[in-house]
Amino acid sequence: MFKNLALFTLLFSGVEFSAHAQRAVLAGTYTLPRTSLSQLGNPACSETALAIAKKNGLRLNDMPSIGSGLAKAGENEFFGITDRGPNYKAGEDDEETARRIVPLPQFCPTIVRLKLAGKEIRIAQAIPLRDSRGQLISGLSNMKGEEPLYDSAEAKSPLPFDPNGVDLEGIRVLPDGNFLLCEEYSPSILVVGTNGQVLMRYTPISKTPTNATYPVKAILPDIFSQRRINKGFENLALSADGKFAYAILQSPMGDVREKHFAQSRVIRVLKLDVSQPLDAKVAGEYLALASPAGGYSAKTTQQKISWSDADWIAPDKLLVLERAKGLAKLLLVDLSGATNILERKEAATLTLEETGADLAALKIQPASAREIFSTRDVAGIDSDKIEGVAVLSPTEVALANDNDFSIGPNQNENSWIWIIQLTEPLPVVRQK
């Protein structure tokens, strides 16, 4: 346990990493054994339903995704999440027009408690999400204007919208033991009880799902409803005292088919006061900048850079997981000097996301970011979809992948958790 908190602040501003120094070692790799989806405590995953899903494109029914988000639960234990369930695109050559196939549409997004034992990940508990009546909810999109979903490539019409549906991507544990989750559809933030019941969902003003059978409050700035399809809130951090949450979009907003948005690096960060979780308040809105695509590969386009999870390390300082094909990075993102744009008129538009937007002329300071680790630093981390991060100590970080249920481009990929040991400590002001 670190005792001199002032030292951590100095470390954050003063540590420099040599380009030639070894920044980390891979301290552990853990794999989830083959596990039937029917064992997730999810009645929707019956053997009959799985047989139909197999005909509709679910190649394997024993490769669950558990790492779309990651939170420490105890010694060698974590909470993970399944996202919305098995899905893939039919017609991958045209990503913007390809159909999104959901071969198991009754799948219920689920929180899973994971235990590391030996070299394995064991599922100790599965907590499917439920509405106020105790009924399972789905991972289907909510309303017109969102991505249409089909149960097979041959389907004549899309699946019906579900106002309760969520696509979970981030998880943190509140001081009372309940869960704080983020998802991509609205995008929205949820408070969920230890039994999986959705206690509250916070959405943008124009994305309030009608007829939802759990409580919903539209308190988020409406501009967030313009997130790119399938790129909503992917990152969620929570302060050590449980007072503030930080929800971050996966990517810039603005249609990538429009030239003035295609090269944007601006990602929005929302800060909420969740000291009363069922009566949260928006406390701030900030801009951050994704890394230039050139730092990944010559073939990587800017729109392929994703921020996929975040954890809190100090007041207004976050550890952010950034990724693209073939590489993932950990960034120290400092919001303490960034401009709070919550009340700025530009914040209600996509002007700030336009390529070449002059933030300095607008007197807007984005968050600073500094790379402290990349998967180039160690051998043995082999996934293009690392989507979970949890800070374990000032020198230990856990990463997890989303294997997409071994469907689509991630065929035959296992679910993994990796433990990274850093050679220089993070400015962590608490131990989880």
Protein backbone atom coordinates (compact mmCIF):
# COMPACT_ATOMS: atom_id res chain seq x y z
CA MET A 1 0.00 0.00 0.00
CA PHE A 2 1.38 3.37 -0.99
CA LYS A 3 1.27 5.96 1.82
CA ASN A 4 2.57 9.18 0.29
CA LEU A 5 -0.22 10.29 -2.01
CA ALA A 6 1.62 13.45 -2.98
CA LEU A 7 4.35 11.25 -4.44
CA PHE A 8 1.85 9.73 -6.88
CA THR A 9 0.93 13.16 -8.22
CA LEU A 10 4.61 13.87 -8.80
CA LEU A 11 5.02 10.51 -10.52
CA PHE A 12 2.14 11.27 -12.85
CA SER A 13 3.64 14.55 -14.03
CA GLY A 14 7.30 13.65 -13.80
CA VAL A 15 7.89 10.06 -14.90
CA GLU A 16 9.44 9.67 -18.33
CA PHE A 17 9.68 6.28 -19.99
CA SER A 18 12.65 5.55 -22.20
CA ALA A 19 11.79 4.31 -25.66
CA HIS A 20 14.41 1.61 -25.12
CA ALA A 21 13.60 0.61 -21.53
CA GLN A 22 11.45 -2.41 -20.82
CA ARG A 23 8.18 -0.94 -19.61
CA ALA A 24 6.39 -4.12 -18.57
CA VAL A 25 6.45 -7.89 -18.32
CA LEU A 26 3.64 -10.36 -18.84
CA ALA A 27 3.08 -11.80 -15.37
CA GLY A 28 0.23 -14.18 -16.15
CA THR A 29 -2.08 -15.49 -18.87
CA TYR A 30 -5.40 -17.14 -18.03
CA THR A 31 -7.82 -18.88 -20.39
CA LEU A 32 -11.52 -19.70 -20.09
CA PRO A 33 -12.07 -23.40 -20.90
CA ARG A 34 -14.84 -24.38 -23.30
CA THR A 35 -18.07 -23.45 -21.51
CA SER A 36 -21.56 -23.91 -22.95
CA LEU A 37 -23.63 -20.75 -23.16
CA SER A 38 -26.37 -22.77 -21.47
CA GLN A 39 -24.20 -22.73 -18.31
CA LEU A 40 -24.32 -18.94 -17.96
CA GLY A 41 -27.43 -19.08 -15.80
CA ASN A 42 -29.33 -17.62 -18.72
CA PRO A 43 -32.61 -19.45 -19.47
CA ALA A 44 -32.64 -17.87 -22.94
CA CYS A 45 -29.68 -20.08 -23.87
CA SER A 46 -31.54 -23.38 -23.95
CA GLU A 47 -30.21 -26.26 -25.98
CA THR A 48 -33.10 -25.74 -28.45
CA ALA A 49 -32.28 -22.06 -28.87
CA LEU A 50 -28.59 -22.86 -29.33
CA ALA A 51 -29.42 -25.41 -32.04
CA ILE A 52 -31.39 -22.79 -33.97
CA ALA A 53 -28.59 -20.25 -33.45
CA LYS A 54 -26.09 -22.69 -34.92
CA LYS A 55 -28.15 -22.88 -38.13
CA ASN A 56 -28.14 -19.07 -38.21
CA GLY A 57 -24.37 -18.70 -37.97
CA LEU A 58 -23.30 -19.38 -34.38
CA ARG A 59 -20.45 -21.77 -35.16
CA LEU A 60 -19.64 -22.70 -31.55
CA ASN A 61 -21.94 -22.62 -28.54
CA ASP A 62 -19.20 -23.08 -25.96
CA MET A 63 -16.99 -20.02 -26.51
CA PRO A 64 -18.69 -17.27 -24.49
CA SER A 65 -17.47 -13.69 -24.50
CA ILE A 66 -16.80 -12.48 -20.96
CA GLY A 67 -14.33 -9.60 -21.37
CA SER A 68 -16.12 -6.65 -22.97
CA GLY A 69 -15.42 -4.94 -19.66
CA LEU A 70 -13.43 -5.87 -16.55
CA ALA A 71 -13.56 -4.82 -12.89
CA LYS A 72 -11.67 -6.17 -9.88
CA ALA A 73 -13.92 -8.19 -7.57
CA GLY A 74 -11.45 -9.56 -5.02
CA GLU A 75 -8.16 -11.40 -4.77
CA ASN A 76 -7.72 -13.13 -8.14
CA GLU A 77 -11.37 -12.39 -8.94
CA PHE A 78 -13.03 -10.09 -11.46
CA PHE A 79 -16.39 -9.08 -12.82
CA GLY A 80 -16.71 -9.32 -16.59
CA ILE A 81 -19.58 -8.73 -19.02
CA THR A 82 -20.84 -10.48 -22.12
CA ASP A 83 -22.00 -7.45 -24.19
CA ARG A 84 -25.20 -7.98 -26.22
CA GLY A 85 -24.52 -11.55 -27.26
CA PRO A 86 -23.31 -13.37 -30.37
CA ASN A 87 -23.38 -11.20 -33.48
CA TYR A 88 -21.55 -10.80 -36.77
CA LYS A 89 -21.82 -8.95 -40.06
CA ALA A 90 -22.95 -10.63 -43.26
CA GLY A 91 -21.18 -9.02 -46.20
CA GLU A 92 -18.05 -7.78 -44.43
CA ASP A 93 -16.65 -6.28 -47.65
CA ASP A 94 -18.92 -3.26 -47.15
CA GLU A 95 -18.89 -2.63 -43.44
CA GLU A 96 -21.25 0.35 -43.61
CA THR A 97 -24.05 -1.55 -45.37
CA ALA A 98 -23.47 -5.12 -44.18
CA ARG A 99 -26.25 -6.72 -42.16
CA ARG A 100 -25.72 -7.25 -38.45
CA ILE A 101 -26.74 -10.83 -37.65
CA VAL A 102 -27.82 -11.83 -34.13
CA PRO A 103 -28.30 -15.60 -34.32
CA LEU A 104 -29.37 -15.91 -30.66
CA PRO A 105 -31.70 -12.89 -30.29
CA GLN A 106 -33.08 -14.01 -26.93
CA PHE A 107 -29.61 -13.84 -25.34
CA CYS A 108 -29.60 -11.80 -22.14
CA PRO A 109 -26.57 -9.56 -21.43
CA THR A 110 -24.89 -10.99 -18.34
CA ILE A 111 -22.45 -9.99 -15.62
CA VAL A 112 -20.04 -12.83 -14.78
CA ARG A 113 -17.90 -13.22 -11.69
CA LEU A 114 -14.57 -14.73 -12.70
CA LYS A 115 -11.93 -16.48 -10.62
CA LEU A 116 -8.35 -17.10 -11.71
CA ALA A 117 -7.15 -20.56 -10.72
CA GLY A 118 -3.99 -22.17 -12.06
CA LYS A 119 -3.90 -20.99 -15.67
CA GLU A 120 -7.67 -20.97 -16.06
CA ILE A 121 -10.56 -18.54 -15.76
CA ARG A 122 -13.50 -20.06 -13.93
CA ILE A 123 -17.01 -18.62 -13.98
CA ALA A 124 -18.00 -18.47 -10.31
CA GLN A 125 -21.32 -16.67 -10.84
CA ALA A 126 -23.49 -15.49 -13.73
CA ILE A 127 -25.90 -12.57 -13.22
CA PRO A 128 -28.27 -12.06 -16.19
CA LEU A 129 -29.83 -8.59 -16.39
CA ARG A 130 -33.53 -8.28 -15.56
CA ASP A 131 -36.22 -5.62 -15.63
CA SER A 132 -38.28 -4.38 -12.68
CA ARG A 133 -40.59 -7.41 -12.98
CA GLY A 134 -37.72 -9.89 -12.88
CA GLN A 135 -37.94 -10.67 -16.60
CA LEU A 136 -34.75 -11.14 -18.61
CA ILE A 137 -33.84 -8.27 -20.93
CA SER A 138 -32.26 -8.67 -24.37
CA GLY A 139 -29.28 -7.31 -26.24
CA LEU A 140 -31.42 -5.97 -29.09
CA SER A 141 -31.35 -2.33 -30.23
CA ASN A 142 -34.00 0.02 -28.85
CA MET A 143 -35.58 2.17 -31.50
CA LYS A 144 -35.79 3.37 -35.10
CA GLY A 145 -32.58 5.00 -36.28
CA GLU A 146 -30.39 2.46 -34.52
CA GLU A 147 -28.67 -0.44 -36.20
CA PRO A 148 -31.23 -2.98 -37.53
CA LEU A 149 -30.54 -6.53 -36.40
CA TYR A 150 -31.41 -9.79 -38.18
CA ASP A 151 -31.56 -13.32 -36.81
CA SER A 152 -30.01 -14.78 -39.96
CA ALA A 153 -28.38 -13.67 -43.19
CA GLU A 154 -31.49 -14.85 -45.07
CA ALA A 155 -34.03 -13.04 -42.89
CA LYS A 156 -36.52 -10.93 -44.86
CA SER A 157 -37.04 -8.35 -42.13
CA PRO A 158 -35.15 -7.15 -39.06
CA LEU A 159 -35.86 -8.23 -35.53
CA PRO A 160 -38.25 -6.02 -33.55
CA PHE A 161 -36.73 -3.30 -31.42
CA ASP A 162 -36.59 -3.87 -27.66
CA PRO A 163 -36.78 -0.75 -25.47
CA ASN A 164 -35.08 -2.71 -22.68
CA GLY A 165 -32.14 -3.91 -24.81
CA VAL A 166 -28.56 -2.98 -23.97
CA ASP A 167 -25.13 -3.62 -25.47
CA LEU A 168 -22.92 -3.71 -22.37
CA GLU A 169 -19.30 -2.56 -22.72
CA GLY A 170 -18.04 -1.32 -19.34
CA ILE A 171 -18.47 -2.33 -15.69
CA ARG A 172 -17.51 -0.87 -12.31
CA VAL A 173 -18.58 -1.73 -8.77
CA LEU A 174 -20.26 0.94 -6.64
CA PRO A 175 -19.45 1.27 -2.92
CA ASP A 176 -22.77 -0.41 -2.00
CA GLY A 177 -21.91 -3.47 -4.11
CA ASN A 178 -24.27 -2.62 -6.95
CA PHE A 179 -22.92 -2.28 -10.47
CA LEU A 180 -22.43 0.71 -12.74
CA LEU A 181 -22.48 -0.27 -16.42
CA CYS A 182 -22.20 1.55 -19.72
CA GLU A 183 -23.56 0.52 -23.09
CA GLU A 184 -23.52 1.54 -26.72
CA TYR A 185 -27.08 1.88 -28.01
CA SER A 186 -28.26 5.20 -26.61
CA PRO A 187 -25.46 5.42 -25.42
CA SER A 188 -26.40 5.06 -21.77
CA ILE A 189 -25.25 4.33 -18.23
CA LEU A 190 -27.01 1.83 -15.98
CA VAL A 191 -27.21 1.15 -12.27
CA VAL A 192 -27.77 -2.56 -11.71
CA GLY A 193 -28.40 -4.43 -8.47
CA THR A 194 -26.38 -7.38 -7.27
CA ASN A 195 -29.22 -9.63 -8.48
CA GLY A 196 -29.04 -8.21 -12.02
CA GLN A 197 -32.10 -5.96 -11.77
CA VAL A 198 -31.77 -2.70 -13.71
CA LEU A 199 -32.41 -0.01 -11.11
CA MET A 200 -31.85 2.99 -13.40
CA ARG A 201 -30.78 3.78 -16.94
CA TYR A 202 -29.46 7.23 -17.89
CA THR A 203 -29.86 8.19 -21.56
CA PRO A 204 -29.51 11.23 -23.82
CA ILE A 205 -32.63 13.36 -23.94
CA SER A 206 -33.83 12.22 -27.39
CA LYS A 207 -32.93 8.55 -26.87
CA THR A 208 -35.29 7.70 -24.04
CA PRO A 209 -36.68 4.26 -24.91
CA THR A 210 -40.45 4.27 -24.64
CA ASN A 211 -42.16 1.39 -22.85
CA ALA A 212 -39.03 0.28 -21.02
CA THR A 213 -39.96 -1.87 -18.04
CA TYR A 214 -37.33 -0.46 -15.73
CA PRO A 215 -36.65 3.16 -14.62
CA VAL A 216 -35.11 5.53 -17.19
CA LYS A 217 -33.97 9.15 -16.81
CA ALA A 218 -32.90 11.27 -19.80
CA ILE A 219 -30.16 13.38 -18.21
CA LEU A 220 -27.24 13.00 -20.64
CA PRO A 221 -26.37 15.75 -23.17
CA ASP A 222 -28.30 15.02 -26.34
CA ILE A 223 -25.25 15.34 -28.59
CA PHE A 224 -24.17 11.89 -27.38
CA SER A 225 -27.13 10.38 -29.25
CA GLN A 226 -25.14 11.13 -32.42
CA ARG A 227 -22.46 8.57 -31.58
CA ARG A 228 -21.42 6.42 -34.51
CA ILE A 229 -23.41 3.21 -34.92
CA ASN A 230 -22.05 0.51 -32.59
CA LYS A 231 -19.58 2.99 -31.07
CA GLY A 232 -21.27 4.38 -27.97
CA PHE A 233 -20.01 4.35 -24.38
CA GLU A 234 -17.28 1.71 -24.36
CA ASN A 235 -15.25 3.06 -21.42
CA LEU A 236 -16.32 3.45 -17.80
CA ALA A 237 -14.24 4.55 -14.82
CA LEU A 238 -15.30 5.16 -11.23
CA SER A 239 -13.46 7.17 -8.58
CA ALA A 240 -12.23 5.33 -5.49
CA ASP A 241 -14.86 6.97 -3.28
CA GLY A 242 -17.62 6.12 -5.76
CA LYS A 243 -18.60 9.75 -6.21
CA PHE A 244 -17.65 10.37 -9.85
CA ALA A 245 -18.02 8.22 -12.94
CA TYR A 246 -16.42 8.84 -16.33
CA ALA A 247 -18.12 7.50 -19.46
CA ILE A 248 -16.12 7.79 -22.68
CA LEU A 249 -17.21 7.18 -26.27
CA GLN A 250 -15.41 4.52 -28.25
CA SER A 251 -14.60 6.88 -31.11
CA PRO A 252 -15.22 10.38 -32.42
CA MET A 253 -18.75 11.26 -33.48
CA GLY A 254 -19.63 12.22 -37.04
CA ASP A 255 -20.26 10.07 -40.11
CA VAL A 256 -16.97 8.53 -41.28
CA ARG A 257 -18.25 8.68 -44.87
CA GLU A 258 -18.11 12.46 -44.65
CA LYS A 259 -14.63 13.81 -45.37
CA HIS A 260 -14.65 16.39 -42.58
CA PHE A 261 -15.23 13.68 -39.93
CA ALA A 262 -13.24 10.73 -41.29
CA GLN A 263 -9.91 11.88 -39.78
CA SER A 264 -11.28 13.20 -36.50
CA ARG A 265 -9.38 12.25 -33.32
CA VAL A 266 -11.74 14.00 -30.88
CA ILE A 267 -13.38 11.69 -28.35
CA ARG A 268 -15.86 12.99 -25.77
CA VAL A 269 -15.69 12.23 -22.07
CA LEU A 270 -18.67 12.65 -19.75
CA LYS A 271 -18.24 13.06 -15.99
CA LEU A 272 -21.15 12.27 -13.68
CA ASP A 273 -21.75 12.74 -9.98
CA VAL A 274 -23.01 9.31 -8.92
CA SER A 275 -22.76 9.82 -5.16
CA GLN A 276 -26.50 9.12 -5.23
CA PRO A 277 -26.52 6.46 -7.96
CA LEU A 278 -30.27 6.60 -8.62
CA ASP A 279 -30.20 10.38 -8.92
CA ALA A 280 -27.00 11.02 -10.89
CA LYS A 281 -26.05 14.45 -12.22
CA VAL A 282 -23.88 15.41 -15.18
CA ALA A 283 -20.84 17.17 -13.73
CA GLY A 284 -18.66 17.82 -16.76
CA GLU A 285 -17.91 17.17 -20.40
CA TYR A 286 -14.40 17.11 -21.88
CA LEU A 287 -12.54 16.38 -25.07
CA ALA A 288 -9.70 13.90 -25.47
CA LEU A 289 -7.64 13.01 -28.54
CA ALA A 290 -7.11 9.49 -29.83
CA SER A 291 -3.59 8.64 -30.95
CA PRO A 292 -2.74 9.32 -34.61
CA ALA A 293 -3.34 6.25 -36.74
CA GLY A 294 0.25 6.36 -37.98
CA GLY A 295 1.40 5.15 -34.57
CA TYR A 296 -0.29 1.81 -35.27
CA SER A 297 0.56 0.95 -38.87
CA ALA A 298 0.70 2.51 -42.31
CA LYS A 299 -2.52 0.68 -43.19
CA THR A 300 -4.51 1.76 -40.12
CA THR A 301 -7.08 4.48 -40.80
CA GLN A 302 -8.01 6.98 -38.09
CA GLN A 303 -11.56 5.67 -37.81
CA LYS A 304 -10.22 2.25 -36.77
CA ILE A 305 -8.71 3.62 -33.57
CA SER A 306 -10.93 2.72 -30.60
CA TRP A 307 -10.95 3.55 -26.91
CA SER A 308 -12.24 0.37 -25.32
CA ASP A 309 -12.12 0.69 -21.53
CA ALA A 310 -10.89 2.96 -18.75
CA ASP A 311 -10.12 2.74 -15.05
CA TRP A 312 -9.65 5.49 -12.47
CA ILE A 313 -6.20 6.02 -10.96
CA ALA A 314 -6.37 9.50 -9.37
CA PRO A 315 -8.71 12.51 -9.35
CA ASP A 316 -9.55 13.28 -13.01
CA LYS A 317 -6.80 10.91 -14.16
CA LEU A 318 -7.68 7.73 -16.00
CA LEU A 319 -5.94 4.72 -17.48
CA VAL A 320 -7.45 4.25 -20.96
CA LEU A 321 -7.20 1.21 -23.20
CA GLU A 322 -6.75 2.21 -26.84
CA ARG A 323 -6.61 -0.33 -29.67
CA ALA A 324 -6.58 -1.00 -33.39
CA LYS A 325 -5.86 -4.10 -35.42
CA GLY A 326 -2.69 -5.79 -34.22
CA LEU A 327 -1.92 -3.45 -31.32
CA ALA A 328 -3.30 -2.14 -28.04
CA LYS A 329 -1.97 0.65 -25.82
CA LEU A 330 -2.51 1.94 -22.30
CA LEU A 331 -2.70 5.72 -22.04
CA LEU A 332 -2.57 7.96 -18.98
CA VAL A 333 -5.32 10.48 -19.70
CA ASP A 334 -5.34 13.61 -17.53
CA LEU A 335 -8.58 15.63 -17.46
CA SER A 336 -7.45 17.96 -14.68
CA GLY A 337 -6.28 20.66 -17.09
CA ALA A 338 -8.94 20.06 -19.74
CA THR A 339 -11.73 22.55 -20.49
CA ASN A 340 -15.16 21.66 -19.18
CA ILE A 341 -17.30 22.28 -22.29
CA LEU A 342 -20.60 21.29 -20.71
CA GLU A 343 -22.08 24.79 -20.97
CA ARG A 344 -20.33 25.79 -24.21
CA LYS A 345 -22.59 26.25 -27.22
CA GLU A 346 -20.17 24.32 -29.44
CA ALA A 347 -20.69 21.27 -27.24
CA ALA A 348 -24.20 20.81 -28.60
CA THR A 349 -22.88 20.45 -32.16
CA LEU A 350 -20.36 18.27 -34.00
CA THR A 351 -18.20 21.29 -34.83
CA LEU A 352 -15.58 20.09 -32.38
CA GLU A 353 -15.29 16.72 -34.13
CA GLU A 354 -14.54 18.16 -37.56
CA THR A 355 -11.10 17.39 -38.92
CA GLY A 356 -8.94 20.46 -38.44
CA ALA A 357 -11.19 22.05 -35.81
CA ASP A 358 -9.12 24.76 -34.11
CA LEU A 359 -9.67 23.97 -30.45
CA ALA A 360 -7.06 26.50 -29.37
CA ALA A 361 -8.90 29.29 -31.18
CA LEU A 362 -12.04 28.23 -29.33
CA LYS A 363 -10.06 28.29 -26.07
CA ILE A 364 -10.73 24.61 -25.49
CA GLN A 365 -7.96 22.53 -23.98
CA PRO A 366 -8.33 18.77 -24.53
CA ALA A 367 -7.13 16.23 -22.01
CA SER A 368 -3.47 15.31 -22.15
CA ALA A 369 -2.56 11.69 -22.89
CA ARG A 370 0.66 9.74 -22.57
CA GLU A 371 1.37 6.17 -23.61
CA ILE A 372 2.78 4.00 -20.83
CA PHE A 373 2.41 0.52 -22.35
CA SER A 374 1.68 -1.23 -25.60
CA THR A 375 1.33 -4.88 -26.51
CA ARG A 376 4.55 -4.43 -28.47
CA ASP A 377 6.31 -4.34 -25.09
CA VAL A 378 5.59 -8.00 -24.30
CA ALA A 379 5.11 -11.24 -26.19
CA GLY A 380 2.04 -13.42 -25.69
CA ILE A 381 -0.91 -11.03 -26.02
CA ASP A 382 -2.60 -12.01 -29.23
CA SER A 383 -6.00 -10.40 -29.78
CA ASP A 384 -7.34 -7.57 -31.90
CA LYS A 385 -10.20 -6.96 -29.43
CA ILE A 386 -8.75 -6.23 -26.01
CA GLU A 387 -11.71 -4.48 -24.37
CA GLY A 388 -11.33 -4.75 -20.60
CA VAL A 389 -8.88 -3.08 -18.22
CA ALA A 390 -8.64 -3.11 -14.43
CA VAL A 391 -5.94 -1.52 -12.28
CA LEU A 392 -4.92 -4.01 -9.59
CA SER A 393 -2.10 -2.06 -7.93
CA PRO A 394 0.28 0.77 -8.87
CA THR A 395 2.34 -1.74 -10.86
CA GLU A 396 -0.25 -4.33 -11.98
CA VAL A 397 -2.94 -4.07 -14.63
CA ALA A 398 -5.31 -6.75 -15.91
CA LEU A 399 -6.47 -6.85 -19.53
CA ALA A 400 -9.28 -8.93 -21.06
CA ASN A 401 -10.46 -9.60 -24.60
CA ASP A 402 -13.86 -9.78 -26.23
CA ASN A 403 -13.73 -12.90 -28.39
CA ASP A 404 -17.13 -12.14 -29.99
CA PHE A 405 -18.32 -15.63 -29.01
CA SER A 406 -15.81 -16.97 -31.58
CA ILE A 407 -17.93 -15.64 -34.40
CA GLY A 408 -17.20 -13.33 -37.33
CA PRO A 409 -13.54 -12.27 -37.68
CA ASN A 410 -12.62 -13.69 -34.24
CA GLN A 411 -13.22 -17.32 -35.06
CA ASN A 412 -11.65 -19.78 -32.61
CA GLU A 413 -10.37 -17.02 -30.30
CA ASN A 414 -10.43 -17.94 -26.63
CA SER A 415 -11.39 -15.63 -23.77
CA TRP A 416 -8.26 -14.48 -21.95
CA ILE A 417 -7.19 -12.36 -19.00
CA TRP A 418 -3.60 -11.12 -18.94
CA ILE A 419 -1.81 -9.65 -15.92
CA ILE A 420 0.73 -6.96 -16.87
CA GLN A 421 3.43 -5.88 -14.43
CA LEU A 422 4.70 -2.35 -15.10
CA THR A 423 8.29 -1.40 -14.37
CA GLU A 424 7.27 2.12 -13.27
CA PRO A 425 4.32 2.65 -10.91
CA LEU A 426 1.09 4.35 -11.87
CA PRO A 427 -0.01 7.31 -9.73
CA VAL A 428 -2.69 5.20 -8.04
CA VAL A 429 -4.14 6.85 -4.94
CA ARG A 430 -5.83 3.73 -3.67
CA GLN A 431 -5.71 -0.04 -3.85
CA LYS A 432 -8.86 -1.75 -5.16
